[in-house]
N, C-alpha and C. Protein backbone atom coordinates (compact mmCIF):
# COMPACT_ATOMS: atom_id res chain seq x y z
N MET A 1 0.81 -1.11 -0.03
CA MET A 1 0.00 0.13 -0.18
C MET A 1 1.01 1.25 -0.19
N SER A 2 2.19 1.29 0.60
CA SER A 2 2.92 2.23 0.70
C SER A 2 3.52 2.78 -0.65
N THR A 3 3.60 1.89 -1.74
CA THR A 3 4.29 2.01 -2.72
C THR A 3 2.91 2.87 -3.63
N THR A 4 1.79 2.18 -3.67
CA THR A 4 0.64 2.82 -4.24
C THR A 4 0.75 4.15 -3.76
N ARG A 5 0.56 4.31 -2.58
CA ARG A 5 0.43 6.01 -2.09
C ARG A 5 1.68 6.73 -2.33
N ALA A 6 2.55 6.32 -2.31
CA ALA A 6 4.05 7.09 -3.15
C ALA A 6 3.57 7.43 -4.46
N LEU A 7 3.17 6.40 -5.16
CA LEU A 7 2.95 6.80 -6.66
C LEU A 7 1.85 7.65 -7.13
N LEU A 8 0.84 7.76 -6.28
CA LEU A 8 -0.34 8.54 -6.37
C LEU A 8 -0.26 10.08 -6.04
N VAL A 9 0.14 9.96 -4.77
CA VAL A 9 0.20 11.33 -3.93
C VAL A 9 1.65 11.69 -4.12
N GLY A 10 2.40 10.74 -3.73
CA GLY A 10 3.80 11.38 -3.91
C GLY A 10 4.24 11.31 -2.46
N ARG A 11 5.78 10.86 -2.31
CA ARG A 11 6.44 10.95 -1.07
C ARG A 11 7.58 12.06 -1.03
N ARG A 12 8.07 12.33 -2.08
CA ARG A 12 9.29 13.20 -2.16
C ARG A 12 8.77 14.66 -2.81
N ARG A 13 8.32 15.48 -1.83
CA ARG A 13 7.75 16.73 -2.33
C ARG A 13 8.91 17.81 -2.72
N GLY A 14 9.94 17.63 -2.20
CA GLY A 14 11.10 18.40 -2.48
C GLY A 14 11.43 18.19 -4.06
N ARG A 15 11.34 16.90 -4.34
CA ARG A 15 11.82 16.34 -5.58
C ARG A 15 10.70 17.08 -6.71
N ALA A 16 9.73 16.58 -6.24
CA ALA A 16 8.37 17.04 -7.12
C ALA A 16 8.32 18.55 -7.35
N VAL A 17 8.45 19.40 -6.42
CA VAL A 17 8.49 20.62 -6.65
C VAL A 17 10.00 21.07 -7.58
N GLY A 18 11.07 20.50 -7.33
CA GLY A 18 12.13 20.74 -8.29
C GLY A 18 11.81 20.05 -9.58
N LEU A 19 11.09 19.08 -9.70
CA LEU A 19 10.92 18.67 -11.18
C LEU A 19 10.14 19.61 -12.08
N VAL A 20 8.88 20.15 -11.41
CA VAL A 20 7.94 21.13 -11.89
C VAL A 20 8.77 22.68 -12.12
N VAL A 21 9.37 23.06 -11.06
CA VAL A 21 9.99 24.40 -11.14
C VAL A 21 11.10 24.29 -12.17
N GLY A 22 12.02 23.38 -11.83
CA GLY A 22 13.23 23.23 -12.75
C GLY A 22 12.74 23.09 -14.30
N PHE A 23 11.60 22.30 -14.64
CA PHE A 23 11.33 22.30 -15.93
C PHE A 23 10.73 23.61 -16.47
N ALA A 24 10.04 24.38 -15.44
CA ALA A 24 9.50 25.76 -15.98
C ALA A 24 10.36 26.61 -16.25
N GLY A 25 11.60 26.58 -15.54
CA GLY A 25 12.70 27.40 -15.67
C GLY A 25 13.62 27.23 -16.94
N VAL A 26 13.58 25.84 -17.29
CA VAL A 26 14.31 25.59 -18.78
C VAL A 26 13.33 26.14 -19.61
N VAL A 27 12.23 25.82 -19.75
CA VAL A 27 11.22 26.04 -20.61
C VAL A 27 11.23 27.76 -20.95
N ALA A 28 11.04 28.58 -19.73
CA ALA A 28 11.09 29.98 -19.81
C ALA A 28 12.62 30.39 -20.41
N LEU A 29 13.50 29.78 -20.07
CA LEU A 29 15.02 30.05 -20.63
C LEU A 29 14.94 30.02 -21.89
N VAL A 30 14.61 29.00 -22.53
CA VAL A 30 14.71 28.40 -23.93
C VAL A 30 13.55 29.43 -24.54
N LEU A 31 12.45 29.75 -24.15
CA LEU A 31 11.59 30.60 -24.84
C LEU A 31 12.17 32.00 -24.80
N VAL A 32 12.68 32.56 -23.91
CA VAL A 32 13.30 33.93 -23.75
C VAL A 32 14.40 34.09 -24.84
N ALA A 33 15.09 32.86 -24.75
CA ALA A 33 16.32 32.74 -25.78
C ALA A 33 16.00 32.76 -27.25
N ALA A 34 14.75 31.92 -27.37
CA ALA A 34 14.04 32.15 -28.86
C ALA A 34 13.61 33.30 -29.45
N PHE A 35 13.11 33.94 -28.29
CA PHE A 35 12.45 35.63 -28.65
C PHE A 35 13.68 36.53 -28.85
N VAL A 36 14.88 36.35 -28.04
CA VAL A 36 15.84 37.44 -28.39
C VAL A 36 16.51 37.04 -29.44
N ALA A 37 16.84 35.73 -29.66
CA ALA A 37 17.46 35.49 -31.11
C ALA A 37 16.75 35.69 -32.31
N GLU A 38 15.48 35.61 -32.03
CA GLU A 38 14.58 35.87 -33.17
C GLU A 38 14.52 37.47 -33.37
N SER A 39 14.62 38.34 -32.28
CA SER A 39 14.59 39.77 -32.35
C SER A 39 15.73 40.34 -32.83
N VAL A 40 17.03 39.86 -32.52
CA VAL A 40 18.19 40.22 -33.16
C VAL A 40 18.63 39.84 -34.45
N GLY A 41 17.86 38.74 -34.83
CA GLY A 41 18.35 38.24 -36.02
C GLY A 41 19.47 37.26 -36.24
N ALA A 42 19.64 36.57 -34.94
CA ALA A 42 20.86 35.60 -34.84
C ALA A 42 20.41 34.39 -35.43
N THR A 43 20.87 34.13 -36.66
CA THR A 43 20.44 32.80 -37.16
C THR A 43 20.85 31.52 -36.63
N ALA A 44 22.11 31.51 -36.00
CA ALA A 44 22.59 30.17 -35.54
C ALA A 44 21.79 30.03 -34.13
N ALA A 45 21.56 31.18 -33.41
CA ALA A 45 20.95 30.97 -32.22
C ALA A 45 19.50 30.73 -32.49
N ALA A 46 18.77 31.38 -33.43
CA ALA A 46 17.40 31.00 -33.75
C ALA A 46 17.08 29.46 -34.32
N ALA A 47 17.95 29.04 -34.87
CA ALA A 47 18.20 27.81 -35.47
C ALA A 47 18.08 26.74 -34.13
N LEU A 48 19.01 26.87 -33.41
CA LEU A 48 18.99 26.09 -32.16
C LEU A 48 17.92 26.13 -31.53
N THR A 49 17.29 27.22 -31.12
CA THR A 49 16.07 27.69 -30.28
C THR A 49 15.01 26.78 -30.92
N ASP A 50 14.82 26.94 -32.42
CA ASP A 50 13.79 26.39 -33.10
C ASP A 50 13.88 25.02 -33.11
N ARG A 51 14.92 24.28 -32.57
CA ARG A 51 15.01 22.76 -32.47
C ARG A 51 14.76 22.45 -31.04
N LEU A 52 15.11 23.24 -30.03
CA LEU A 52 15.10 22.95 -28.82
C LEU A 52 13.65 23.14 -28.11
N LEU A 53 13.22 24.24 -28.56
CA LEU A 53 11.84 24.68 -28.10
C LEU A 53 10.63 23.68 -28.40
N PRO A 54 10.39 23.31 -29.59
CA PRO A 54 9.61 21.98 -29.68
C PRO A 54 9.96 20.95 -29.05
N LEU A 55 11.06 20.58 -28.84
CA LEU A 55 11.83 19.15 -28.06
C LEU A 55 11.11 19.40 -26.41
N LEU A 56 11.33 20.54 -26.01
CA LEU A 56 11.03 20.99 -24.66
C LEU A 56 9.16 20.73 -24.53
N VAL A 57 8.72 21.37 -25.57
CA VAL A 57 7.31 21.55 -25.38
C VAL A 57 6.38 20.42 -25.63
N PHE A 58 6.87 19.59 -26.67
CA PHE A 58 6.25 18.55 -27.11
C PHE A 58 6.61 17.02 -26.83
N TYR A 59 7.81 17.09 -26.49
CA TYR A 59 8.41 15.64 -26.27
C TYR A 59 9.00 15.50 -24.75
N ALA A 60 9.32 16.52 -24.01
CA ALA A 60 10.00 16.40 -22.81
C ALA A 60 9.08 15.92 -21.70
N PRO A 61 7.79 16.45 -21.73
CA PRO A 61 6.73 16.00 -20.75
C PRO A 61 6.66 14.56 -20.39
N GLY A 62 6.79 13.96 -21.33
CA GLY A 62 6.57 12.40 -21.18
C GLY A 62 7.66 11.77 -20.53
N PRO A 63 8.77 11.93 -21.03
CA PRO A 63 9.89 11.40 -20.08
C PRO A 63 10.17 12.02 -18.65
N LEU A 64 10.03 13.00 -18.54
CA LEU A 64 10.12 13.89 -17.39
C LEU A 64 8.78 13.12 -16.31
N ALA A 65 7.86 12.93 -16.79
CA ALA A 65 6.77 12.41 -15.90
C ALA A 65 6.98 10.96 -15.75
N ALA A 66 7.70 10.17 -16.58
CA ALA A 66 8.13 8.99 -16.38
C ALA A 66 9.17 8.86 -15.19
N ALA A 67 10.05 9.94 -15.36
CA ALA A 67 11.21 9.94 -14.47
C ALA A 67 10.68 10.29 -13.02
N GLY A 68 9.70 11.17 -13.14
CA GLY A 68 9.10 11.64 -11.60
C GLY A 68 8.16 10.52 -11.10
N ALA A 69 7.65 9.73 -11.98
CA ALA A 69 6.90 8.62 -11.26
C ALA A 69 7.92 7.67 -10.82
N TYR A 70 8.79 7.30 -11.40
CA TYR A 70 9.90 6.39 -10.88
C TYR A 70 10.59 6.89 -9.50
N ALA A 71 10.67 8.27 -9.55
CA ALA A 71 11.30 8.78 -8.28
C ALA A 71 10.22 9.05 -7.08
N ARG A 72 8.87 8.56 -7.52
CA ARG A 72 8.00 8.68 -6.60
C ARG A 72 7.47 10.01 -6.23
N CYS A 73 7.32 10.84 -7.09
CA CYS A 73 6.96 12.34 -6.94
C CYS A 73 5.46 12.39 -6.70
N GLY A 74 4.76 11.60 -7.25
CA GLY A 74 3.37 11.58 -7.28
C GLY A 74 2.69 12.20 -8.63
N GLY A 75 1.55 11.65 -8.79
CA GLY A 75 0.68 11.78 -9.98
C GLY A 75 0.45 13.28 -10.16
N PRO A 76 0.00 14.24 -9.22
CA PRO A 76 -0.14 15.65 -9.41
C PRO A 76 1.05 16.27 -9.95
N ALA A 77 2.23 15.95 -9.56
CA ALA A 77 3.45 16.67 -9.99
C ALA A 77 4.05 16.25 -11.38
N CYS A 78 3.68 14.88 -11.58
CA CYS A 78 4.01 14.37 -12.96
C CYS A 78 3.14 15.02 -13.93
N LEU A 79 1.87 15.12 -13.58
CA LEU A 79 0.93 15.89 -14.73
C LEU A 79 0.94 17.46 -14.80
N ALA A 80 1.54 17.88 -13.79
CA ALA A 80 1.80 19.32 -13.84
C ALA A 80 2.94 19.83 -14.92
N VAL A 81 3.70 18.73 -14.88
CA VAL A 81 4.88 18.83 -15.85
C VAL A 81 4.21 19.04 -17.20
N GLY A 82 3.04 18.24 -17.45
CA GLY A 82 2.41 18.42 -18.78
C GLY A 82 2.00 19.81 -18.87
N VAL A 83 1.42 20.68 -18.09
CA VAL A 83 0.85 21.81 -18.14
C VAL A 83 1.91 23.16 -18.35
N VAL A 84 3.17 22.72 -17.83
CA VAL A 84 4.29 23.93 -17.55
C VAL A 84 4.40 24.68 -18.98
N PRO A 85 4.39 24.05 -20.28
CA PRO A 85 4.77 24.70 -21.50
C PRO A 85 3.63 25.96 -21.54
N ALA A 86 2.47 25.32 -21.59
CA ALA A 86 1.33 26.18 -21.53
C ALA A 86 1.31 27.56 -20.70
N VAL A 87 1.71 26.94 -19.35
CA VAL A 87 1.64 28.11 -18.35
C VAL A 87 2.86 29.23 -18.77
N VAL A 88 3.83 28.54 -18.90
CA VAL A 88 5.23 29.55 -19.27
C VAL A 88 4.74 30.33 -20.38
N LEU A 89 4.13 29.80 -21.59
CA LEU A 89 3.92 30.54 -22.68
C LEU A 89 2.91 31.60 -22.37
N GLY A 90 1.85 31.38 -21.77
CA GLY A 90 0.78 32.49 -21.17
C GLY A 90 1.52 33.49 -20.37
N GLY A 91 2.43 33.00 -19.27
CA GLY A 91 3.01 33.94 -18.60
C GLY A 91 4.15 34.94 -19.46
N PHE A 92 4.67 34.25 -20.42
CA PHE A 92 5.63 35.27 -21.32
C PHE A 92 4.87 36.08 -22.03
N VAL A 93 3.79 35.71 -22.47
CA VAL A 93 2.81 36.73 -23.20
C VAL A 93 2.19 37.79 -22.62
N LEU A 94 1.70 37.44 -21.29
CA LEU A 94 1.06 38.40 -20.32
C LEU A 94 2.15 39.53 -19.90
N VAL A 95 3.48 38.86 -19.48
CA VAL A 95 4.48 39.80 -19.09
C VAL A 95 4.84 40.50 -20.22
N GLY A 96 5.24 40.10 -21.28
CA GLY A 96 5.39 40.95 -22.40
C GLY A 96 4.43 41.99 -22.75
N THR A 97 3.03 41.68 -22.96
CA THR A 97 2.13 42.65 -23.12
C THR A 97 2.05 43.81 -22.21
N VAL A 98 2.08 43.43 -20.82
CA VAL A 98 2.00 44.33 -19.79
C VAL A 98 3.14 45.18 -19.80
N VAL A 99 4.49 44.60 -20.05
CA VAL A 99 5.71 45.57 -19.98
C VAL A 99 5.77 46.38 -21.47
N GLY A 100 5.03 45.68 -22.50
CA GLY A 100 5.25 46.51 -23.68
C GLY A 100 6.22 46.10 -24.70
N VAL A 101 6.84 44.91 -24.41
CA VAL A 101 7.77 44.28 -25.25
C VAL A 101 7.21 44.29 -26.83
N PRO A 102 8.01 44.86 -27.57
CA PRO A 102 7.67 44.86 -29.11
C PRO A 102 7.77 43.39 -29.64
N GLY A 103 6.73 42.98 -30.33
CA GLY A 103 6.74 41.53 -31.02
C GLY A 103 6.13 40.66 -30.15
N VAL A 104 5.61 41.15 -28.86
CA VAL A 104 4.84 40.09 -28.15
C VAL A 104 3.22 40.77 -28.11
N ASN A 105 2.37 40.06 -28.57
CA ASN A 105 0.92 40.61 -28.68
C ASN A 105 0.10 39.66 -28.19
N GLY A 106 -0.31 40.09 -26.84
CA GLY A 106 -1.33 39.39 -26.03
C GLY A 106 -2.85 39.54 -26.83
N GLY A 107 -2.90 40.33 -27.36
CA GLY A 107 -4.26 40.51 -28.16
C GLY A 107 -4.57 39.66 -29.15
N ASP A 108 -3.73 38.72 -29.61
CA ASP A 108 -3.93 37.79 -30.53
C ASP A 108 -5.13 36.61 -30.24
N PRO A 109 -5.99 36.67 -30.92
CA PRO A 109 -7.10 35.71 -30.46
C PRO A 109 -6.79 34.09 -30.45
N GLY A 110 -5.58 33.94 -31.43
CA GLY A 110 -5.40 32.50 -31.49
C GLY A 110 -4.44 32.01 -30.47
N LEU A 111 -4.13 32.90 -29.57
CA LEU A 111 -3.05 32.63 -28.62
C LEU A 111 -3.52 31.77 -27.49
N GLY A 112 -4.84 31.92 -27.05
CA GLY A 112 -5.54 31.16 -26.35
C GLY A 112 -5.56 29.58 -26.66
N ASP A 113 -5.83 29.49 -27.99
CA ASP A 113 -5.81 28.21 -28.63
C ASP A 113 -4.58 27.51 -28.58
N VAL A 114 -3.60 28.33 -28.99
CA VAL A 114 -2.32 27.50 -28.98
C VAL A 114 -1.77 27.15 -27.56
N ALA A 115 -2.03 27.98 -26.56
CA ALA A 115 -1.88 27.79 -25.31
C ALA A 115 -2.52 26.47 -24.71
N MET A 116 -3.78 26.23 -25.16
CA MET A 116 -4.70 25.18 -24.96
C MET A 116 -4.11 24.06 -25.57
N SER A 117 -3.80 24.24 -26.75
CA SER A 117 -3.03 22.90 -27.51
C SER A 117 -1.89 22.54 -26.70
N PHE A 118 -1.03 23.50 -26.42
CA PHE A 118 0.16 23.07 -25.66
C PHE A 118 -0.13 22.32 -24.59
N ALA A 119 -1.13 22.56 -23.77
CA ALA A 119 -1.59 21.89 -22.63
C ALA A 119 -2.06 20.80 -22.67
N ALA A 120 -2.93 20.34 -23.85
CA ALA A 120 -3.62 19.29 -23.95
C ALA A 120 -2.29 18.28 -24.44
N ILE A 121 -1.50 18.67 -25.55
CA ILE A 121 -0.60 17.68 -25.64
C ILE A 121 0.44 17.44 -24.57
N GLY A 122 0.79 18.24 -23.84
CA GLY A 122 1.45 18.14 -22.88
C GLY A 122 1.04 17.38 -21.60
N VAL A 123 -0.17 17.39 -21.34
CA VAL A 123 -0.91 16.70 -20.32
C VAL A 123 -0.89 15.07 -21.01
N THR A 124 -1.28 15.00 -21.92
CA THR A 124 -1.49 13.63 -22.59
C THR A 124 -0.06 13.11 -22.41
N SER A 125 1.01 13.66 -22.95
CA SER A 125 2.33 13.20 -23.13
C SER A 125 2.68 12.76 -21.53
N ALA A 126 2.35 13.71 -20.58
CA ALA A 126 2.64 13.51 -19.21
C ALA A 126 2.21 12.19 -18.53
N PHE A 127 0.88 12.25 -19.11
CA PHE A 127 0.17 10.97 -18.37
C PHE A 127 0.55 9.72 -19.12
N VAL A 128 0.81 9.65 -20.16
CA VAL A 128 1.56 8.39 -20.78
C VAL A 128 2.74 8.22 -20.13
N GLY A 129 3.52 9.30 -19.95
CA GLY A 129 5.12 8.91 -19.50
C GLY A 129 4.75 8.51 -17.78
N TYR A 130 3.56 9.08 -17.24
CA TYR A 130 3.45 8.85 -15.66
C TYR A 130 3.00 7.29 -15.80
N CYS A 131 2.38 6.85 -16.66
CA CYS A 131 1.89 5.52 -16.59
C CYS A 131 3.11 4.55 -17.07
N ALA A 132 3.90 4.98 -17.96
CA ALA A 132 5.22 4.14 -18.02
C ALA A 132 5.97 4.05 -16.78
N GLY A 133 6.12 4.90 -16.09
CA GLY A 133 6.92 5.29 -14.85
C GLY A 133 6.35 4.55 -13.87
N VAL A 134 5.00 4.39 -13.60
CA VAL A 134 4.43 3.78 -12.52
C VAL A 134 4.42 2.16 -12.95
N THR A 135 4.48 1.89 -14.25
CA THR A 135 4.70 0.35 -14.76
C THR A 135 6.08 -0.03 -14.57
N ALA A 136 7.11 0.91 -14.67
CA ALA A 136 8.47 0.60 -14.48
C ALA A 136 8.75 0.36 -12.87
N VAL A 137 8.13 1.30 -12.26
CA VAL A 137 8.10 1.08 -10.52
C VAL A 137 7.65 -0.27 -10.08
N LEU A 138 6.51 -0.63 -10.54
CA LEU A 138 5.83 -1.83 -10.04
C LEU A 138 6.55 -3.11 -10.62
N ALA A 139 7.20 -2.93 -12.03
CA ALA A 139 7.77 -4.24 -12.44
C ALA A 139 9.13 -4.17 -11.73
N ALA A 140 9.78 -3.08 -11.19
CA ALA A 140 10.88 -3.25 -10.31
C ALA A 140 10.73 -3.87 -9.05
N ASP A 141 9.29 -3.57 -8.17
CA ASP A 141 9.20 -3.85 -7.00
C ASP A 141 8.92 -5.44 -7.09
N LEU A 142 8.10 -5.83 -8.30
CA LEU A 142 7.81 -7.17 -8.32
C LEU A 142 8.93 -8.00 -8.51
N LEU A 143 10.18 -7.59 -9.49
CA LEU A 143 11.11 -8.35 -9.69
C LEU A 143 12.17 -8.29 -8.56
N GLY A 144 11.97 -7.27 -7.44
CA GLY A 144 12.75 -7.29 -6.37
C GLY A 144 14.21 -6.25 -6.41
N PHE A 145 14.01 -5.33 -7.55
CA PHE A 145 15.02 -4.34 -7.72
C PHE A 145 14.31 -3.18 -7.78
N GLY A 146 15.46 -2.01 -7.84
CA GLY A 146 14.86 -0.68 -8.26
C GLY A 146 15.11 0.33 -7.16
N SER A 147 14.27 1.26 -7.31
CA SER A 147 14.30 2.58 -6.46
C SER A 147 13.43 2.03 -5.15
N ASP A 148 14.08 1.81 -3.93
CA ASP A 148 13.19 1.55 -2.91
C ASP A 148 12.89 2.58 -2.03
N GLY A 149 13.33 4.00 -2.34
CA GLY A 149 13.10 5.08 -1.74
C GLY A 149 14.02 5.50 -0.44
N ALA A 150 14.99 4.48 -0.11
CA ALA A 150 15.96 4.64 1.08
C ALA A 150 16.76 5.79 0.73
N GLY A 151 17.17 6.11 1.68
CA GLY A 151 18.25 7.55 1.38
C GLY A 151 17.59 9.07 1.21
N ASP A 152 16.31 8.98 1.35
CA ASP A 152 15.61 10.47 1.22
C ASP A 152 16.44 11.18 2.45
N SER A 153 16.27 10.61 3.62
CA SER A 153 16.93 11.29 4.65
C SER A 153 18.14 10.52 5.23
N PRO A 154 18.59 11.27 6.04
CA PRO A 154 20.02 10.56 6.70
C PRO A 154 19.62 9.28 7.22
N ASP A 155 18.56 9.08 8.08
CA ASP A 155 18.24 7.81 8.50
C ASP A 155 17.39 6.97 7.83
N GLY A 156 17.04 7.45 6.42
CA GLY A 156 16.35 6.38 5.79
C GLY A 156 14.87 6.38 5.99
N SER A 157 14.37 7.32 6.88
CA SER A 157 12.95 7.20 7.13
C SER A 157 11.92 7.18 6.43
N GLU A 158 12.26 7.64 5.32
CA GLU A 158 11.04 7.87 4.14
C GLU A 158 10.84 6.77 3.19
N GLY A 159 11.76 5.72 3.33
CA GLY A 159 11.80 4.61 2.20
C GLY A 159 10.54 3.84 2.42
N ASP A 160 10.35 3.18 1.44
CA ASP A 160 9.12 2.13 1.31
C ASP A 160 9.22 1.17 2.35
N ALA A 161 10.41 0.54 2.67
CA ALA A 161 10.56 -0.61 3.42
C ALA A 161 9.95 -0.04 5.09
N ASP A 162 10.35 0.99 5.28
CA ASP A 162 10.16 1.62 6.42
C ASP A 162 8.66 1.91 6.79
N GLU A 163 7.96 1.99 5.69
CA GLU A 163 6.31 2.22 5.77
C GLU A 163 5.50 1.03 6.05
N GLU A 164 5.89 -0.13 5.63
CA GLU A 164 5.09 -1.19 5.45
C GLU A 164 4.91 -1.76 6.97
């Protein structure tokens, strides 16, 4: 029962917050770099960010959610990873519109649709990744190896073996 609770609710809140906030930071950094590279006309930087941004927005939530599930961060944190690109994009546009950054237009009616599409794709990818991570944890527990949770604290008090 402790493994199920760890997978659904999460046992490692610090890692869960680090997973979501760290991914949001990386997506925001790449989004700002793409905007700046596009604004100044740097073709090499724009080419890099044109490849890196779709990778982070569309492909990264699944493996990150799988890793989060395997690390027992919990379902809410793993699914939140899927919403991160849409939230970061919305926040970028909101801040850019309020501050008055040229080239950032918050009045575009299609922007909400783009953000919702990012969220739908990201959450779907994160859900599939979460399911894969849960399957990996359960298979590892069944076979008797894998991440047992020991070592979270110096005395190992948050491990699966200690809660049974």
